[in-house]
Amino acid sequence: MFSGLFQPMHLLVILVIVMIIWGPGKLPELGEGLAKSIKAFKKSMSDDPAPTTIEHQEEKKD
């Protein structure tokens, strides 16, 4: 069903439709927002939660 979805002609049609809907002035803003969200997602996936030390666990018990 989706075997030919990413052919060059299909991508051109999608690009033309996007240009008509948002216009060339809005596309850089959309790209910047997408890039920021991807960077934030990658950062949140790579950040480890705060390591729990023995001292910190003892403080919680008291």
Protein backbone atom coordinates (compact mmCIF):
# COMPACT_ATOMS: atom_id res chain seq x y z
CA MET A 1 0.00 0.00 0.00
CA PHE A 2 2.79 2.46 0.94
CA SER A 3 5.46 0.96 -1.31
CA GLY A 4 5.88 4.02 -3.54
CA LEU A 5 5.26 6.74 -0.99
CA PHE A 6 8.77 8.19 -0.94
CA GLN A 7 9.37 8.42 -4.67
CA PRO A 8 10.83 11.79 -5.80
CA MET A 9 7.65 12.84 -7.62
CA HIS A 10 5.52 12.19 -4.54
CA LEU A 11 7.91 14.19 -2.36
CA LEU A 12 7.70 17.12 -4.81
CA VAL A 13 3.90 17.05 -4.66
CA ILE A 14 4.02 17.01 -0.86
CA LEU A 15 6.49 19.92 -0.88
CA VAL A 16 4.23 21.96 -3.19
CA ILE A 17 1.22 21.32 -0.97
CA VAL A 18 3.18 22.37 2.13
CA MET A 19 4.36 25.54 0.37
CA ILE A 20 0.78 26.41 -0.58
CA ILE A 21 -0.56 25.84 2.94
CA TRP A 22 2.13 27.57 5.01
CA GLY A 23 4.00 29.66 2.47
CA PRO A 24 7.73 30.12 2.14
CA GLY A 25 7.93 32.64 4.98
CA LYS A 26 6.59 30.27 7.60
CA LEU A 27 8.70 27.22 6.69
CA PRO A 28 11.92 28.36 8.44
CA GLU A 29 9.94 28.90 11.65
CA LEU A 30 8.42 25.43 11.36
CA GLY A 31 11.83 23.89 10.75
CA GLU A 32 13.34 25.73 13.71
CA GLY A 33 10.55 24.59 16.01
CA LEU A 34 10.91 21.02 14.83
CA ALA A 35 14.68 21.10 15.36
CA LYS A 36 14.28 22.48 18.88
CA SER A 37 11.76 19.81 19.80
CA ILE A 38 14.00 17.03 18.44
CA LYS A 39 17.00 18.39 20.38
CA ALA A 40 14.95 18.60 23.57
CA PHE A 41 13.70 15.06 23.08
CA LYS A 42 17.22 13.71 22.50
CA LYS A 43 18.50 15.59 25.56
CA SER A 44 15.74 14.23 27.77
CA MET A 45 16.42 10.70 26.54
CA SER A 46 20.16 10.94 27.21
CA ASP A 47 19.95 12.65 30.62
CA ASP A 48 20.16 10.17 33.45
CA PRO A 49 17.98 10.76 36.46
CA ALA A 50 19.78 12.13 39.49
CA PRO A 51 21.88 9.31 40.95
CA THR A 52 20.78 8.21 44.36
CA THR A 53 23.64 7.95 46.81
CA ILE A 54 23.71 6.04 50.06
CA GLU A 55 23.74 9.30 52.04
CA HIS A 56 20.69 10.55 50.14
CA GLN A 57 18.85 7.28 50.83
CA GLU A 58 19.70 7.52 54.55
CA GLU A 59 18.30 11.05 54.69
CA LYS A 60 15.01 9.81 53.24
CA LYS A 61 14.73 7.10 55.91
CA ASP A 62 15.05 9.56 58.80
